[in-house]
Amino acid sequence: MRFAIVGNSGSGKSTLARYLADAAGLPALDLDTIAWAPGQPAVERPAAQAQADVAAFCGAHDGWVVEGCYGHLVQAALAYQPLLVFLNPGPEGCAANCRSRPWEPHKFATREAQDAHLGFLLQWVADYYVRDGSMSLRAHQALFDGYAGHKLELRHVPRLDPPEAAVLQLLR
């Protein structure tokens, strides 16, 4: 089992990735961990280095889950023929999910620090639909449309408790 999950912030990528990894006993790679320079917030690593890390992770495991909003990094995982899952719940679904997300201690020192960034995150979510680059709807749609392997687009935030039929189907 190999999964590559792409979508906007707040689309449910990380939550779905954790669910699939736990349910199937797979290692998971959150692309945030390789897209940015360690200890340097908002400093992007060179694309070739991050893509090499994706390839190394994918090549080191028989099965895995890779997730993130970085289309160019998800593209590197597609060489390993995963099931590509495009989470595309629309701006309202992503914004609502961002407002209700639990504290992410791997990203923020406190819940208050996370909440202080909510306005920026909501603007980032809204801009996804009009921006260019590998973290845009345009790039994700092109990645999805151009992928010849198995793929699934979900136009809602996946329900995991209990898991909806589309999610259970991924594990078969």
Protein backbone atom coordinates (compact mmCIF):
# COMPACT_ATOMS: atom_id res chain seq x y z
CA MET A 1 0.00 0.00 0.00
CA ARG A 2 1.32 3.37 -1.06
CA PHE A 3 -0.55 6.64 -0.70
CA ALA A 4 0.29 10.18 -1.85
CA ILE A 5 -2.12 12.77 -0.46
CA VAL A 6 -2.26 16.34 -1.79
CA GLY A 7 -4.59 19.26 -1.12
CA ASN A 8 -5.04 22.68 0.42
CA SER A 9 -4.26 23.49 4.03
CA GLY A 10 -7.22 22.38 6.11
CA SER A 11 -8.37 19.75 3.60
CA GLY A 12 -7.66 16.89 6.02
CA LYS A 13 -4.38 15.62 4.53
CA SER A 14 -2.48 15.12 7.79
CA THR A 15 -5.43 13.56 9.58
CA LEU A 16 -6.13 11.14 6.72
CA ALA A 17 -2.42 10.30 6.45
CA ARG A 18 -2.19 9.48 10.17
CA TYR A 19 -5.34 7.37 9.94
CA LEU A 20 -4.09 5.37 6.94
CA ALA A 21 -0.61 4.94 8.39
CA ASP A 22 -1.98 3.72 11.73
CA ALA A 23 -4.64 1.47 10.18
CA ALA A 24 -2.23 -0.20 7.74
CA GLY A 25 0.96 -0.04 9.83
CA LEU A 26 2.76 2.18 7.30
CA PRO A 27 5.47 4.78 7.75
CA ALA A 28 4.33 8.31 6.94
CA LEU A 29 6.13 11.37 5.63
CA ASP A 30 4.69 14.82 6.34
CA LEU A 31 6.22 16.92 3.57
CA ASP A 32 6.38 19.94 5.91
CA THR A 33 9.32 18.17 7.58
CA ILE A 34 11.45 18.21 4.42
CA ALA A 35 10.16 21.28 2.56
CA TRP A 36 11.60 23.75 5.07
CA ALA A 37 15.12 24.24 6.41
CA PRO A 38 15.42 22.74 9.92
CA GLY A 39 15.12 25.39 12.62
CA GLN A 40 14.49 28.13 10.09
CA PRO A 41 10.77 28.84 9.79
CA ALA A 42 9.66 29.93 6.33
CA VAL A 43 13.05 29.16 4.72
CA GLU A 44 12.44 26.74 1.88
CA ARG A 45 14.98 24.01 1.24
CA PRO A 46 16.27 23.66 -2.33
CA ALA A 47 13.66 21.71 -4.30
CA ALA A 48 16.17 19.12 -5.53
CA GLN A 49 17.20 18.26 -1.95
CA ALA A 50 13.60 17.93 -0.76
CA GLN A 51 12.69 15.82 -3.83
CA ALA A 52 15.68 13.56 -3.16
CA ASP A 53 14.44 13.09 0.42
CA VAL A 54 11.00 12.08 -0.89
CA ALA A 55 12.59 9.57 -3.27
CA ALA A 56 14.80 8.18 -0.49
CA PHE A 57 11.80 7.73 1.83
CA CYS A 58 9.66 6.10 -0.85
CA GLY A 59 12.47 3.85 -2.02
CA ALA A 60 13.30 2.71 1.52
CA HIS A 61 9.83 1.30 2.27
CA ASP A 62 7.53 -1.15 0.49
CA GLY A 63 4.45 0.75 1.63
CA TRP A 64 4.04 4.30 2.88
CA VAL A 65 1.94 7.45 3.15
CA VAL A 66 3.25 10.79 1.86
CA GLU A 67 1.20 13.94 2.39
CA GLY A 68 1.47 17.65 1.85
CA CYS A 69 0.48 20.68 -0.15
CA TYR A 70 3.76 20.72 -2.12
CA GLY A 71 2.82 19.53 -5.58
CA HIS A 72 6.44 19.25 -6.72
CA LEU A 73 7.24 16.96 -3.77
CA VAL A 74 4.14 14.82 -4.22
CA GLN A 75 5.18 14.54 -7.88
CA ALA A 76 8.44 12.92 -6.72
CA ALA A 77 6.42 10.25 -4.89
CA LEU A 78 4.32 9.46 -7.98
CA ALA A 79 7.28 7.66 -9.59
CA TYR A 80 6.56 4.86 -7.06
CA GLN A 81 2.98 4.40 -8.32
CA PRO A 82 0.97 5.19 -5.19
CA LEU A 83 -2.74 5.77 -4.99
CA LEU A 84 -2.98 9.56 -5.40
CA VAL A 85 -5.62 11.10 -3.14
CA PHE A 86 -6.57 14.70 -3.94
CA LEU A 87 -8.50 16.28 -1.08
CA ASN A 88 -10.50 19.14 -2.55
CA PRO A 89 -13.31 20.13 -0.14
CA GLY A 90 -13.47 23.77 -1.27
CA PRO A 91 -12.65 26.95 0.62
CA GLU A 92 -15.45 26.67 3.18
CA GLY A 93 -14.56 23.07 4.09
CA CYS A 94 -10.87 23.90 4.47
CA ALA A 95 -11.52 27.06 6.51
CA ALA A 96 -13.90 25.25 8.86
CA ASN A 97 -11.36 22.46 9.34
CA CYS A 98 -8.63 25.02 10.12
CA ARG A 99 -10.82 26.70 12.73
CA SER A 100 -11.46 23.39 14.48
CA ARG A 101 -7.98 21.83 14.24
CA PRO A 102 -6.37 20.67 17.45
CA TRP A 103 -3.12 22.14 18.69
CA GLU A 104 -0.17 21.04 16.54
CA PRO A 105 2.78 20.97 18.96
CA HIS A 106 5.20 19.99 16.17
CA LYS A 107 4.45 23.36 14.54
CA PHE A 108 3.69 25.70 17.45
CA ALA A 109 5.06 25.96 21.00
CA THR A 110 1.60 26.65 22.46
CA ARG A 111 -2.06 26.56 21.46
CA GLU A 112 -2.09 30.34 21.84
CA ALA A 113 0.76 30.70 19.33
CA GLN A 114 -1.14 28.51 16.89
CA ASP A 115 -4.33 30.53 17.37
CA ALA A 116 -2.39 33.76 16.77
CA HIS A 117 -1.56 32.46 13.27
CA LEU A 118 -5.14 31.50 12.38
CA GLY A 119 -5.79 34.69 10.39
CA PHE A 120 -2.70 34.06 8.26
CA LEU A 121 -3.70 30.41 7.76
CA LEU A 122 -7.23 31.33 6.69
CA GLN A 123 -5.84 33.82 4.16
CA TRP A 124 -3.42 31.14 2.88
CA VAL A 125 -6.38 28.75 2.46
CA ALA A 126 -8.36 31.36 0.52
CA ASP A 127 -5.38 32.25 -1.70
CA TYR A 128 -4.98 28.57 -2.76
CA TYR A 129 -7.75 29.08 -5.31
CA VAL A 130 -6.07 32.03 -7.07
CA ARG A 131 -2.31 31.66 -6.55
CA ASP A 132 0.17 29.98 -8.88
CA GLY A 133 2.96 27.57 -8.00
CA SER A 134 3.13 24.03 -6.69
CA MET A 135 0.95 24.82 -3.65
CA SER A 136 -2.05 25.98 -5.67
CA LEU A 137 -5.32 24.43 -6.76
CA ARG A 138 -4.17 24.83 -10.36
CA ALA A 139 -1.00 22.77 -9.73
CA HIS A 140 -2.80 20.12 -7.67
CA GLN A 141 -5.51 19.71 -10.30
CA ALA A 142 -2.87 19.38 -13.05
CA LEU A 143 -0.96 16.83 -10.96
CA PHE A 144 -4.15 14.82 -10.42
CA ASP A 145 -5.33 15.08 -14.02
CA GLY A 146 -1.92 14.13 -15.40
CA TYR A 147 -1.36 11.10 -13.18
CA ALA A 148 -1.99 7.85 -15.06
CA GLY A 149 -1.98 5.69 -11.92
CA HIS A 150 -4.80 4.97 -9.48
CA LYS A 151 -6.30 8.12 -8.03
CA LEU A 152 -9.23 9.43 -6.03
CA GLU A 153 -10.54 12.96 -5.55
CA LEU A 154 -12.60 13.69 -2.44
CA ARG A 155 -14.59 16.91 -2.53
CA HIS A 156 -15.17 16.91 1.22
CA VAL A 157 -13.06 16.60 4.36
CA PRO A 158 -12.92 12.83 4.94
CA ARG A 159 -14.88 11.52 7.92
CA LEU A 160 -12.74 9.17 9.99
CA ASP A 161 -14.70 8.53 13.18
CA PRO A 162 -16.29 6.31 12.12
CA PRO A 163 -14.48 6.04 8.79
CA GLU A 164 -16.65 6.69 5.75
CA ALA A 165 -16.90 4.14 2.94
CA ALA A 166 -14.43 6.00 0.69
CA VAL A 167 -11.76 5.85 3.39
CA LEU A 168 -12.38 2.17 4.13
CA GLN A 169 -12.10 1.47 0.40
CA LEU A 170 -8.57 2.93 0.44
CA LEU A 171 -7.47 0.21 2.85
CA ARG A 172 -8.65 -2.69 0.66
